[in-house]
Amino acid sequence: MRLPGPIRKPRARTPNSPVFLIVGLRNPGPKYEGSRHNLGFEAVSLALIRSGLAWGRSPSRLRAQSAQGGAGEDRVIYLAPTTFMNESGMSVRAASDYYSVAPERILVVHDDIDLPFGRFRVQVGGGSGGHNGIRSIEGALGMKEFTRLKLGVGRPPGSMDPADYVLRSFPKTELVEVELMLTDAADVILRWPLDPVRAQEMAALRDRP
């Protein structure tokens, strides 16, 4: 009779590197450039430019473009998955494992149709709100306790399908405000690794009527 071996508990992912991971969600390819769904990626891209960085190649397992800034406890990995939105979790989980990133050091920047156009919100945990990218990340990480910077794009007009709405570009009448949104979002993104409380306060300035 074969005796059962010791029960193996799931390995706890104990981070050994003081890295921050900032993720800009998008759908890749020219077809989706400038769409509401790519707003998170555009905000992180602007933060990179202001830091003197640029998107580059990353280890193939990450399935993403990436960039690195800072050093020591202020080291930041910027990530732009090259998967489609509903598979973003594979890239974020791979990067989290590769760099040993603690959940509280992950910031995901994304569009949100439940916030009025122009509003921001920094939130730790919570539901996906129907956002396929966030749902994918929650599933891949097996938890929800990461930080999200939500950028409000508003609800679709009339009976328009939300999926169609977020894949469309902003109308010309909103482009000036979109540029201001990206500037303010980049401010929040750059502040977050240094002072998450202040970053939340900065985002809250846009979360008012």
Protein backbone atom coordinates (compact mmCIF):
# COMPACT_ATOMS: atom_id res chain seq x y z
CA MET A 1 0.00 0.00 0.00
CA ARG A 2 1.42 3.36 -1.04
CA LEU A 3 1.34 5.95 1.66
CA PRO A 4 0.24 9.41 0.59
CA GLY A 5 2.97 12.00 0.44
CA PRO A 6 2.86 15.27 2.32
CA ILE A 7 0.17 17.69 1.28
CA ARG A 8 1.71 20.56 -0.63
CA LYS A 9 0.19 23.93 0.05
CA PRO A 10 0.11 26.51 -2.75
CA ARG A 11 3.35 28.45 -2.79
CA ALA A 12 2.85 31.90 -1.38
CA ARG A 13 4.31 34.50 -3.70
CA THR A 14 6.50 36.44 -1.30
CA PRO A 15 8.02 39.33 -3.21
CA ASN A 16 11.77 39.74 -2.84
CA SER A 17 12.15 42.82 -5.00
CA PRO A 18 10.91 46.33 -4.16
CA VAL A 19 9.49 46.87 -7.63
CA PHE A 20 6.38 48.81 -8.62
CA LEU A 21 4.43 47.57 -11.65
CA ILE A 22 2.33 50.09 -13.58
CA VAL A 23 0.14 48.66 -16.34
CA GLY A 24 -1.58 50.57 -19.14
CA LEU A 25 -4.44 48.54 -20.60
CA ARG A 26 -5.16 48.55 -24.33
CA ASN A 27 -6.00 46.59 -27.43
CA PRO A 28 -2.88 46.45 -29.64
CA GLY A 29 -2.73 47.56 -33.25
CA PRO A 30 -3.51 50.68 -35.34
CA LYS A 31 -7.21 49.80 -35.47
CA TYR A 32 -7.61 50.66 -31.79
CA GLU A 33 -5.34 53.68 -31.50
CA GLY A 34 -7.15 56.63 -29.96
CA SER A 35 -10.08 54.53 -28.78
CA ARG A 36 -11.67 54.98 -25.36
CA HIS A 37 -10.53 51.48 -24.39
CA ASN A 38 -6.89 52.47 -24.91
CA LEU A 39 -7.00 55.51 -22.64
CA GLY A 40 -5.09 53.74 -19.85
CA PHE A 41 -2.25 52.84 -22.19
CA GLU A 42 -2.07 56.40 -23.52
CA ALA A 43 -1.88 57.82 -19.98
CA VAL A 44 0.98 55.49 -19.04
CA SER A 45 2.73 56.30 -22.34
CA LEU A 46 2.62 60.01 -21.50
CA ALA A 47 4.03 59.28 -18.04
CA LEU A 48 6.91 57.46 -19.77
CA ILE A 49 7.64 60.39 -22.07
CA ARG A 50 7.73 62.77 -19.13
CA SER A 51 10.18 60.42 -17.40
CA GLY A 52 12.47 60.37 -20.42
CA LEU A 53 11.61 56.72 -21.11
CA ALA A 54 10.17 54.81 -24.06
CA TRP A 55 8.44 51.51 -24.63
CA GLY A 56 10.83 48.69 -25.48
CA ARG A 57 11.04 44.94 -25.70
CA SER A 58 10.51 42.74 -22.67
CA PRO A 59 11.14 39.04 -21.97
CA SER A 60 8.95 37.04 -24.38
CA ARG A 61 7.08 35.34 -21.55
CA LEU A 62 5.64 38.71 -20.53
CA ARG A 63 3.82 39.22 -23.85
CA ALA A 64 4.17 42.97 -23.46
CA GLN A 65 6.16 46.07 -24.16
CA SER A 66 7.88 47.45 -21.11
CA ALA A 67 10.15 50.15 -19.72
CA GLN A 68 12.01 50.60 -16.46
CA GLY A 69 12.64 53.70 -14.44
CA GLY A 70 13.97 54.62 -11.02
CA ALA A 71 16.24 52.53 -8.85
CA GLY A 72 16.21 50.72 -5.54
CA GLU A 73 12.91 51.08 -3.70
CA ASP A 74 11.70 53.51 -6.37
CA ARG A 75 12.22 51.10 -9.28
CA VAL A 76 9.19 51.06 -11.57
CA ILE A 77 8.31 48.61 -14.33
CA TYR A 78 5.88 50.04 -16.89
CA LEU A 79 3.94 47.38 -18.80
CA ALA A 80 1.75 47.48 -21.92
CA PRO A 81 0.36 44.02 -22.72
CA THR A 82 0.52 43.04 -26.39
CA THR A 83 -2.40 40.66 -25.86
CA PHE A 84 -5.94 41.78 -26.49
CA MET A 85 -7.75 43.38 -23.58
CA ASN A 86 -9.57 40.26 -22.42
CA GLU A 87 -6.25 38.39 -22.06
CA SER A 88 -4.37 41.14 -20.20
CA GLY A 89 -4.15 38.98 -17.10
CA MET A 90 -1.64 36.59 -18.68
CA SER A 91 0.82 39.43 -19.20
CA VAL A 92 0.28 41.02 -15.79
CA ARG A 93 0.63 37.69 -13.97
CA ALA A 94 3.80 36.86 -15.91
CA ALA A 95 5.32 40.25 -15.07
CA SER A 96 4.23 39.97 -11.44
CA ASP A 97 5.96 36.60 -11.13
CA TYR A 98 9.03 37.59 -13.16
CA TYR A 99 9.74 40.70 -11.09
CA SER A 100 8.29 39.34 -7.81
CA VAL A 101 5.87 42.24 -7.42
CA ALA A 102 3.65 42.47 -4.35
CA PRO A 103 -0.08 43.10 -5.05
CA GLU A 104 0.02 46.45 -3.25
CA ARG A 105 2.73 47.56 -5.69
CA ILE A 106 0.62 46.99 -8.81
CA LEU A 107 -1.25 49.88 -10.45
CA VAL A 108 -3.52 49.17 -13.43
CA VAL A 109 -4.64 52.20 -15.45
CA HIS A 110 -7.82 51.75 -17.48
CA ASP A 111 -10.94 53.34 -18.93
CA ASP A 112 -14.20 53.16 -16.99
CA ILE A 113 -17.66 53.68 -18.44
CA ASP A 114 -19.26 53.90 -15.00
CA LEU A 115 -17.39 57.14 -14.25
CA PRO A 116 -18.60 60.30 -15.97
CA PHE A 117 -16.35 61.56 -18.73
CA GLY A 118 -13.32 63.30 -17.28
CA ARG A 119 -13.56 61.89 -13.75
CA PHE A 120 -10.78 59.84 -12.12
CA ARG A 121 -10.74 57.41 -9.23
CA VAL A 122 -7.96 55.50 -7.49
CA GLN A 123 -9.31 52.34 -5.91
CA VAL A 124 -7.77 49.29 -4.25
CA GLY A 125 -9.68 46.09 -4.93
CA GLY A 126 -13.35 45.98 -5.83
CA GLY A 127 -15.09 44.39 -8.79
CA SER A 128 -14.26 44.53 -12.46
CA GLY A 129 -17.29 46.66 -13.32
CA GLY A 130 -17.64 44.62 -16.49
CA HIS A 131 -14.19 45.64 -17.74
CA ASN A 132 -12.72 42.63 -19.53
CA GLY A 133 -9.13 43.63 -18.88
CA ILE A 134 -9.66 43.99 -15.15
CA ARG A 135 -11.64 40.74 -15.02
CA SER A 136 -8.78 38.96 -16.78
CA ILE A 137 -6.20 40.37 -14.35
CA GLU A 138 -8.25 39.42 -11.31
CA GLY A 139 -8.56 35.88 -12.62
CA ALA A 140 -4.88 35.53 -13.50
CA LEU A 141 -3.63 36.94 -10.19
CA GLY A 142 -6.26 35.08 -8.17
CA MET A 143 -7.04 38.19 -6.16
CA LYS A 144 -8.44 41.70 -6.47
CA GLU A 145 -6.21 43.64 -4.06
CA PHE A 146 -4.28 45.65 -6.61
CA THR A 147 -4.72 49.37 -7.25
CA ARG A 148 -6.68 50.71 -10.20
CA LEU A 149 -6.59 54.20 -11.66
CA LYS A 150 -9.96 54.51 -13.36
CA LEU A 151 -10.33 57.10 -16.11
CA GLY A 152 -13.94 58.00 -16.77
CA VAL A 153 -15.17 57.87 -20.36
CA GLY A 154 -18.89 58.00 -19.55
CA ARG A 155 -21.78 55.77 -20.53
CA PRO A 156 -22.63 55.06 -24.17
CA PRO A 157 -25.45 57.18 -25.59
CA GLY A 158 -28.90 55.71 -26.11
CA SER A 159 -28.93 51.98 -26.71
CA MET A 160 -25.37 51.73 -28.05
CA ASP A 161 -23.57 48.55 -27.03
CA PRO A 162 -20.90 49.41 -24.43
CA ALA A 163 -18.45 47.11 -26.27
CA ASP A 164 -18.86 49.17 -29.45
CA TYR A 165 -18.69 52.43 -27.52
CA VAL A 166 -15.31 51.83 -25.88
CA LEU A 167 -13.76 50.66 -29.16
CA ARG A 168 -14.63 53.97 -30.85
CA SER A 169 -12.47 57.07 -30.88
CA PHE A 170 -13.37 60.16 -28.91
CA PRO A 171 -15.34 62.75 -30.90
CA LYS A 172 -13.57 65.97 -31.83
CA THR A 173 -15.62 67.88 -29.26
CA GLU A 174 -13.97 65.88 -26.45
CA LEU A 175 -10.36 65.87 -27.66
CA VAL A 176 -9.26 68.96 -25.74
CA GLU A 177 -10.58 67.48 -22.50
CA VAL A 178 -8.97 64.12 -23.33
CA GLU A 179 -5.58 65.83 -23.59
CA LEU A 180 -6.14 67.42 -20.18
CA MET A 181 -7.20 64.05 -18.79
CA LEU A 182 -4.02 62.41 -20.05
CA THR A 183 -1.88 65.16 -18.52
CA ASP A 184 -3.59 64.84 -15.14
CA ALA A 185 -3.52 61.03 -15.30
CA ALA A 186 0.22 61.08 -15.98
CA ASP A 187 0.64 63.29 -12.88
CA VAL A 188 -1.19 60.69 -10.78
CA ILE A 189 0.77 57.79 -12.29
CA LEU A 190 4.13 59.41 -11.61
CA ARG A 191 3.14 60.33 -8.05
CA TRP A 192 1.70 56.93 -7.10
CA PRO A 193 4.96 54.99 -6.46
CA LEU A 194 6.29 57.87 -4.35
CA ASP A 195 3.14 58.73 -2.39
CA PRO A 196 0.02 56.63 -3.08
CA VAL A 197 -2.09 58.66 -0.66
CA ARG A 198 -1.26 61.89 -2.46
CA ALA A 199 -1.91 60.20 -5.81
CA GLN A 200 -5.37 59.23 -4.61
CA GLU A 201 -6.01 62.81 -3.50
CA MET A 202 -4.90 64.10 -6.90
CA ALA A 203 -7.26 61.73 -8.68
CA ALA A 204 -10.09 62.76 -6.35
CA LEU A 205 -9.81 66.34 -7.61
CA ARG A 206 -11.29 65.03 -10.86
CA ASP A 207 -13.89 62.89 -9.11
CA ARG A 208 -16.15 65.82 -8.30
CA PRO A 209 -19.12 67.27 -10.17
